[in-house]
PDB file of N, CA and C in Angstrom:
ATOM      1  N   UNK A   1     -24.179   2.755 -10.764  1.00  0.00           N
ATOM      2  CA  UNK A   1     -24.609   4.018 -10.187  1.00  0.00           C
ATOM      3  C   UNK A   1     -26.085   3.902  -9.799  1.00  0.00           C
ATOM      4  N   UNK A   2     -26.369   4.127  -8.540  1.00  0.00           N
ATOM      5  CA  UNK A   2     -27.734   3.984  -8.049  1.00  0.00           C
ATOM      6  C   UNK A   2     -28.626   5.091  -8.580  1.00  0.00           C
ATOM      7  N   UNK A   3     -29.867   4.745  -8.867  1.00  0.00           N
ATOM      8  CA  UNK A   3     -30.835   5.736  -9.264  1.00  0.00           C
ATOM      9  C   UNK A   3     -30.858   6.071 -10.742  1.00  0.00           C
ATOM     10  N   UNK A   4     -30.126   5.356 -11.553  1.00  0.00           N
ATOM     11  CA  UNK A   4     -30.149   5.607 -12.990  1.00  0.00           C
ATOM     12  C   UNK A   4     -30.661   4.367 -13.715  1.00  0.00           C
ATOM     13  N   UNK A   5     -31.040   4.545 -14.954  1.00  0.00           N
ATOM     14  CA  UNK A   5     -31.548   3.426 -15.742  1.00  0.00           C
ATOM     15  C   UNK A   5     -30.466   2.363 -15.930  1.00  0.00           C
ATOM     16  N   UNK A   6     -29.244   2.804 -16.201  1.00  0.00           N
ATOM     17  CA  UNK A   6     -28.139   1.860 -16.401  1.00  0.00           C
ATOM     18  C   UNK A   6     -27.865   1.082 -15.118  1.00  0.00           C
ATOM     19  N   UNK A   7     -27.905   1.803 -13.977  1.00  0.00           N
ATOM     20  CA  UNK A   7     -27.700   1.145 -12.688  1.00  0.00           C
ATOM     21  C   UNK A   7     -28.784   0.113 -12.402  1.00  0.00           C
ATOM     22  N   UNK A   8     -30.011   0.440 -12.764  1.00  0.00           N
ATOM     23  CA  UNK A   8     -31.112  -0.502 -12.568  1.00  0.00           C
ATOM     24  C   UNK A   8     -30.956  -1.744 -13.421  1.00  0.00           C
ATOM     25  N   UNK A   9     -30.506  -1.557 -14.650  1.00  0.00           N
ATOM     26  CA  UNK A   9     -30.286  -2.707 -15.534  1.00  0.00           C
ATOM     27  C   UNK A   9     -29.164  -3.597 -15.013  1.00  0.00           C
ATOM     28  N   UNK A  10     -28.113  -2.962 -14.476  1.00  0.00           N
ATOM     29  CA  UNK A  10     -27.007  -3.741 -13.898  1.00  0.00           C
ATOM     30  C   UNK A  10     -27.484  -4.538 -12.683  1.00  0.00           C
ATOM     31  N   UNK A  11     -28.292  -3.896 -11.837  1.00  0.00           N
ATOM     32  CA  UNK A  11     -28.810  -4.569 -10.647  1.00  0.00           C
ATOM     33  C   UNK A  11     -29.710  -5.740 -11.042  1.00  0.00           C
ATOM     34  N   UNK A  12     -30.556  -5.538 -12.060  1.00  0.00           N
ATOM     35  CA  UNK A  12     -31.439  -6.610 -12.514  1.00  0.00           C
ATOM     36  C   UNK A  12     -30.627  -7.769 -13.059  1.00  0.00           C
ATOM     37  N   UNK A  13     -29.584  -7.472 -13.824  1.00  0.00           N
ATOM     38  CA  UNK A  13     -28.735  -8.534 -14.374  1.00  0.00           C
ATOM     39  C   UNK A  13     -28.048  -9.311 -13.265  1.00  0.00           C
ATOM     40  N   UNK A  14     -27.587  -8.605 -12.241  1.00  0.00           N
ATOM     41  CA  UNK A  14     -26.915  -9.263 -11.124  1.00  0.00           C
ATOM     42  C   UNK A  14     -27.883 -10.144 -10.341  1.00  0.00           C
ATOM     43  N   UNK A  15     -29.103  -9.636 -10.103  1.00  0.00           N
ATOM     44  CA  UNK A  15     -30.107 -10.433  -9.396  1.00  0.00           C
ATOM     45  C   UNK A  15     -30.450 -11.701 -10.170  1.00  0.00           C
ATOM     46  N   UNK A  16     -30.598 -11.577 -11.483  1.00  0.00           N
ATOM     47  CA  UNK A  16     -30.923 -12.746 -12.311  1.00  0.00           C
ATOM     48  C   UNK A  16     -29.780 -13.739 -12.318  1.00  0.00           C
ATOM     49  N   UNK A  17     -28.531 -13.248 -12.351  1.00  0.00           N
ATOM     50  CA  UNK A  17     -27.370 -14.144 -12.330  1.00  0.00           C
ATOM     51  C   UNK A  17     -27.252 -14.851 -10.988  1.00  0.00           C
ATOM     52  N   UNK A  18     -27.547 -14.136  -9.925  1.00  0.00           N
ATOM     53  CA  UNK A  18     -27.378 -14.681  -8.578  1.00  0.00           C
ATOM     54  C   UNK A  18     -28.516 -15.617  -8.177  1.00  0.00           C
ATOM     55  N   UNK A  19     -29.760 -15.240  -8.535  1.00  0.00           N
ATOM     56  CA  UNK A  19     -30.921 -15.976  -8.055  1.00  0.00           C
ATOM     57  C   UNK A  19     -31.692 -16.721  -9.133  1.00  0.00           C
ATOM     58  N   UNK A  20     -31.289 -16.607 -10.394  1.00  0.00           N
ATOM     59  CA  UNK A  20     -31.980 -17.313 -11.470  1.00  0.00           C
ATOM     60  C   UNK A  20     -32.865 -16.386 -12.275  1.00  0.00           C
ATOM     61  N   UNK A  21     -33.232 -16.835 -13.465  1.00  0.00           N
ATOM     62  CA  UNK A  21     -34.022 -16.013 -14.385  1.00  0.00           C
ATOM     63  C   UNK A  21     -35.402 -15.661 -13.850  1.00  0.00           C
ATOM     64  N   UNK A  22     -35.999 -16.525 -13.038  1.00  0.00           N
ATOM     65  CA  UNK A  22     -37.349 -16.283 -12.546  1.00  0.00           C
ATOM     66  C   UNK A  22     -37.412 -15.479 -11.261  1.00  0.00           C
ATOM     67  N   UNK A  23     -36.346 -14.751 -10.946  1.00  0.00           N
ATOM     68  CA  UNK A  23     -36.267 -14.011  -9.683  1.00  0.00           C
ATOM     69  C   UNK A  23     -37.438 -13.047  -9.508  1.00  0.00           C
ATOM     70  N   UNK A  24     -37.669 -12.210 -10.499  1.00  0.00           N
ATOM     71  CA  UNK A  24     -38.730 -11.207 -10.364  1.00  0.00           C
ATOM     72  C   UNK A  24     -40.117 -11.832 -10.429  1.00  0.00           C
ATOM     73  N   UNK A  25     -40.261 -12.934 -11.146  1.00  0.00           N
ATOM     74  CA  UNK A  25     -41.544 -13.632 -11.169  1.00  0.00           C
ATOM     75  C   UNK A  25     -41.861 -14.218  -9.790  1.00  0.00           C
ATOM     76  N   UNK A  26     -40.837 -14.761  -9.134  1.00  0.00           N
ATOM     77  CA  UNK A  26     -41.050 -15.347  -7.806  1.00  0.00           C
ATOM     78  C   UNK A  26     -41.431 -14.295  -6.769  1.00  0.00           C
ATOM     79  N   UNK A  27     -40.706 -13.181  -6.754  1.00  0.00           N
ATOM     80  CA  UNK A  27     -41.027 -12.184  -5.734  1.00  0.00           C
ATOM     81  C   UNK A  27     -42.357 -11.490  -6.051  1.00  0.00           C
ATOM     82  N   UNK A  28     -42.693 -11.360  -7.322  1.00  0.00           N
ATOM     83  CA  UNK A  28     -43.990 -10.795  -7.683  1.00  0.00           C
ATOM     84  C   UNK A  28     -45.122 -11.726  -7.314  1.00  0.00           C
ATOM     85  N   UNK A  29     -44.887 -13.019  -7.458  1.00  0.00           N
ATOM     86  CA  UNK A  29     -45.899 -14.008  -7.092  1.00  0.00           C
ATOM     87  C   UNK A  29     -46.188 -14.003  -5.610  1.00  0.00           C
ATOM     88  N   UNK A  30     -45.157 -13.770  -4.815  1.00  0.00           N
ATOM     89  CA  UNK A  30     -45.364 -13.708  -3.363  1.00  0.00           C
ATOM     90  C   UNK A  30     -46.290 -12.552  -3.007  1.00  0.00           C
ATOM     91  N   UNK A  31     -46.065 -11.409  -3.618  1.00  0.00           N
ATOM     92  CA  UNK A  31     -46.901 -10.254  -3.325  1.00  0.00           C
ATOM     93  C   UNK A  31     -48.332 -10.476  -3.777  1.00  0.00           C
ATOM     94  N   UNK A  32     -48.502 -11.052  -4.953  1.00  0.00           N
ATOM     95  CA  UNK A  32     -49.846 -11.306  -5.450  1.00  0.00           C
ATOM     96  C   UNK A  32     -50.589 -12.324  -4.614  1.00  0.00           C
ATOM     97  N   UNK A  33     -49.880 -13.344  -4.154  1.00  0.00           N
ATOM     98  CA  UNK A  33     -50.514 -14.382  -3.350  1.00  0.00           C
ATOM     99  C   UNK A  33     -50.869 -13.861  -1.963  1.00  0.00           C
ATOM    100  N   UNK A  34     -50.092 -12.912  -1.468  1.00  0.00           N
ATOM    101  CA  UNK A  34     -50.316 -12.404  -0.114  1.00  0.00           C
ATOM    102  C   UNK A  34     -51.469 -11.406  -0.054  1.00  0.00           C
ATOM    103  N   UNK A  35     -51.825 -10.813  -1.169  1.00  0.00           N
ATOM    104  CA  UNK A  35     -52.803  -9.727  -1.125  1.00  0.00           C
ATOM    105  C   UNK A  35     -54.216 -10.221  -1.410  1.00  0.00           C
ATOM    106  N   UNK A  36     -54.720 -11.091  -0.556  1.00  0.00           N
ATOM    107  CA  UNK A  36     -56.073 -11.614  -0.743  1.00  0.00           C
ATOM    108  C   UNK A  36     -56.980 -11.272   0.436  1.00  0.00           C
ATOM    109  N   UNK A  37     -56.530 -10.376   1.291  1.00  0.00           N
ATOM    110  CA  UNK A  37     -57.368  -9.975   2.420  1.00  0.00           C
ATOM    111  C   UNK A  37     -57.275  -8.477   2.601  1.00  0.00           C
ATOM    112  N   UNK A  38     -58.272  -7.906   3.223  1.00  0.00           N
ATOM    113  CA  UNK A  38     -58.243  -6.495   3.547  1.00  0.00           C
ATOM    114  C   UNK A  38     -58.576  -5.600   2.369  1.00  0.00           C
ATOM    115  N   UNK A  39     -58.777  -4.349   2.667  1.00  0.00           N
ATOM    116  CA  UNK A  39     -59.021  -3.355   1.637  1.00  0.00           C
ATOM    117  C   UNK A  39     -60.268  -3.634   0.826  1.00  0.00           C
ATOM    118  N   UNK A  40     -60.205  -3.344  -0.458  1.00  0.00           N
ATOM    119  CA  UNK A  40     -61.359  -3.513  -1.333  1.00  0.00           C
ATOM    120  C   UNK A  40     -61.687  -4.990  -1.556  1.00  0.00           C
ATOM    121  N   UNK A  41     -60.688  -5.860  -1.421  1.00  0.00           N
ATOM    122  CA  UNK A  41     -60.946  -7.291  -1.590  1.00  0.00           C
ATOM    123  C   UNK A  41     -61.960  -7.765  -0.551  1.00  0.00           C
ATOM    124  N   UNK A  42     -61.844  -7.254   0.658  1.00  0.00           N
ATOM    125  CA  UNK A  42     -62.685  -7.720   1.753  1.00  0.00           C
ATOM    126  C   UNK A  42     -64.023  -6.995   1.815  1.00  0.00           C
ATOM    127  N   UNK A  43     -64.106  -5.803   1.236  1.00  0.00           N
ATOM    128  CA  UNK A  43     -65.306  -4.997   1.399  1.00  0.00           C
ATOM    129  C   UNK A  43     -65.742  -4.441   0.051  1.00  0.00           C
ATOM    130  N   UNK A  44     -66.594  -5.171  -0.661  1.00  0.00           N
ATOM    131  CA  UNK A  44     -67.040  -4.763  -1.992  1.00  0.00           C
ATOM    132  C   UNK A  44     -67.846  -3.467  -1.958  1.00  0.00           C
ATOM    133  N   UNK A  45     -68.598  -3.256  -0.875  1.00  0.00           N
ATOM    134  CA  UNK A  45     -69.393  -2.033  -0.770  1.00  0.00           C
ATOM    135  C   UNK A  45     -68.491  -0.805  -0.635  1.00  0.00           C
ATOM    136  N   UNK A  46     -67.392  -0.948   0.088  1.00  0.00           N
ATOM    137  CA  UNK A  46     -66.423   0.134   0.210  1.00  0.00           C
ATOM    138  C   UNK A  46     -65.804   0.450  -1.154  1.00  0.00           C
ATOM    139  N   UNK A  47     -65.520  -0.570  -1.931  1.00  0.00           N
ATOM    140  CA  UNK A  47     -64.966  -0.370  -3.273  1.00  0.00           C
ATOM    141  C   UNK A  47     -65.967   0.362  -4.157  1.00  0.00           C
ATOM    142  N   UNK A  48     -67.230  -0.014  -4.063  1.00  0.00           N
ATOM    143  CA  UNK A  48     -68.266   0.635  -4.874  1.00  0.00           C
ATOM    144  C   UNK A  48     -68.397   2.108  -4.496  1.00  0.00           C
ATOM    145  N   UNK A  49     -68.385   2.379  -3.203  1.00  0.00           N
ATOM    146  CA  UNK A  49     -68.522   3.757  -2.735  1.00  0.00           C
ATOM    147  C   UNK A  49     -67.317   4.596  -3.161  1.00  0.00           C
ATOM    148  N   UNK A  50     -66.132   4.042  -3.072  1.00  0.00           N
ATOM    149  CA  UNK A  50     -64.935   4.782  -3.466  1.00  0.00           C
ATOM    150  C   UNK A  50     -64.937   5.056  -4.963  1.00  0.00           C
ATOM    151  N   UNK A  51     -65.375   4.101  -5.756  1.00  0.00           N
ATOM    152  CA  UNK A  51     -65.454   4.308  -7.195  1.00  0.00           C
ATOM    153  C   UNK A  51     -66.465   5.377  -7.555  1.00  0.00           C
ATOM    154  N   UNK A  52     -67.591   5.392  -6.860  1.00  0.00           N
ATOM    155  CA  UNK A  52     -68.616   6.404  -7.114  1.00  0.00           C
ATOM    156  C   UNK A  52     -68.109   7.786  -6.720  1.00  0.00           C
ATOM    157  N   UNK A  53     -67.385   7.841  -5.616  1.00  0.00           N
ATOM    158  CA  UNK A  53     -66.849   9.114  -5.157  1.00  0.00           C
ATOM    159  C   UNK A  53     -65.825   9.648  -6.162  1.00  0.00           C
ATOM    160  N   UNK A  54     -64.951   8.773  -6.628  1.00  0.00           N
ATOM    161  CA  UNK A  54     -63.952   9.190  -7.606  1.00  0.00           C
ATOM    162  C   UNK A  54     -64.592   9.629  -8.911  1.00  0.00           C
ATOM    163  N   UNK A  55     -65.625   8.924  -9.329  1.00  0.00           N
ATOM    164  CA  UNK A  55     -66.299   9.287 -10.564  1.00  0.00           C
ATOM    165  C   UNK A  55     -67.048  10.589 -10.459  1.00  0.00           C
ATOM    166  N   UNK A  56     -67.565  10.889  -9.286  1.00  0.00           N
ATOM    167  CA  UNK A  56     -68.357  12.104  -9.140  1.00  0.00           C
ATOM    168  C   UNK A  56     -67.494  13.356  -9.088  1.00  0.00           C
ATOM    169  N   UNK A  57     -66.229  13.224  -8.708  1.00  0.00           N
ATOM    170  CA  UNK A  57     -65.355  14.399  -8.649  1.00  0.00           C
ATOM    171  C   UNK A  57     -64.425  14.466  -9.853  1.00  0.00           C
ATOM    172  N   UNK A  58     -64.767  13.743 -10.872  1.00  0.00           N
ATOM    173  CA  UNK A  58     -63.946  13.752 -12.085  1.00  0.00           C
ATOM    174  C   UNK A  58     -63.830  15.169 -12.616  1.00  0.00           C
ATOM    175  N   UNK A  59     -62.664  15.525 -13.115  1.00  0.00           N
ATOM    176  CA  UNK A  59     -62.439  16.866 -13.647  1.00  0.00           C
ATOM    177  C   UNK A  59     -62.750  16.930 -15.149  1.00  0.00           C
ATOM    178  N   UNK A  60     -63.079  15.814 -15.715  1.00  0.00           N
ATOM    179  CA  UNK A  60     -63.454  15.816 -17.129  1.00  0.00           C
ATOM    180  C   UNK A  60     -64.836  16.415 -17.263  1.00  0.00           C
ATOM    181  N   UNK A  61     -65.048  17.140 -18.334  1.00  0.00           N
ATOM    182  CA  UNK A  61     -66.359  17.729 -18.563  1.00  0.00           C
ATOM    183  C   UNK A  61     -67.340  16.688 -19.057  1.00  0.00           C
ATOM    184  N   UNK A  62     -68.571  17.077 -19.220  1.00  0.00           N
ATOM    185  CA  UNK A  62     -69.569  16.135 -19.714  1.00  0.00           C
ATOM    186  C   UNK A  62     -69.263  15.718 -21.163  1.00  0.00           C
ATOM    187  N   UNK A  63     -69.705  14.545 -21.511  1.00  0.00           N
ATOM    188  CA  UNK A  63     -69.477  14.045 -22.857  1.00  0.00           C
ATOM    189  C   UNK A  63     -70.240  14.902 -23.873  1.00  0.00           C
ATOM    190  N   UNK A  64     -69.589  15.227 -24.948  1.00  0.00           N
ATOM    191  CA  UNK A  64     -70.198  16.058 -25.984  1.00  0.00           C
ATOM    192  C   UNK A  64     -70.358  15.211 -27.229  1.00  0.00           C
ATOM    193  N   UNK A  65     -71.582  15.036 -27.663  1.00  0.00           N
ATOM    194  CA  UNK A  65     -71.816  14.269 -28.887  1.00  0.00           C
ATOM    195  C   UNK A  65     -71.798  15.186 -30.091  1.00  0.00           C
ATOM    196  N   UNK A  66     -71.097  14.758 -31.116  1.00  0.00           N
ATOM    197  CA  UNK A  66     -70.962  15.578 -32.325  1.00  0.00           C
ATOM    198  C   UNK A  66     -71.967  15.128 -33.347  1.00  0.00           C
TER     199      UNK A  66
END
């Protein structure tokens, strides 16, 4: 049954049986190896600015020392 935990486990078992135990490691490795360009990887200043922006709009209150 698609979309359920049991269905996902069945699909994972079938993929491992069909393509080998390292199936998910192989496809994950492809994604990791491919993501070495663009975005924050290519522009450290953009990453710094985005982090500062996210930190400045944090909804957490100021730290309170007891």
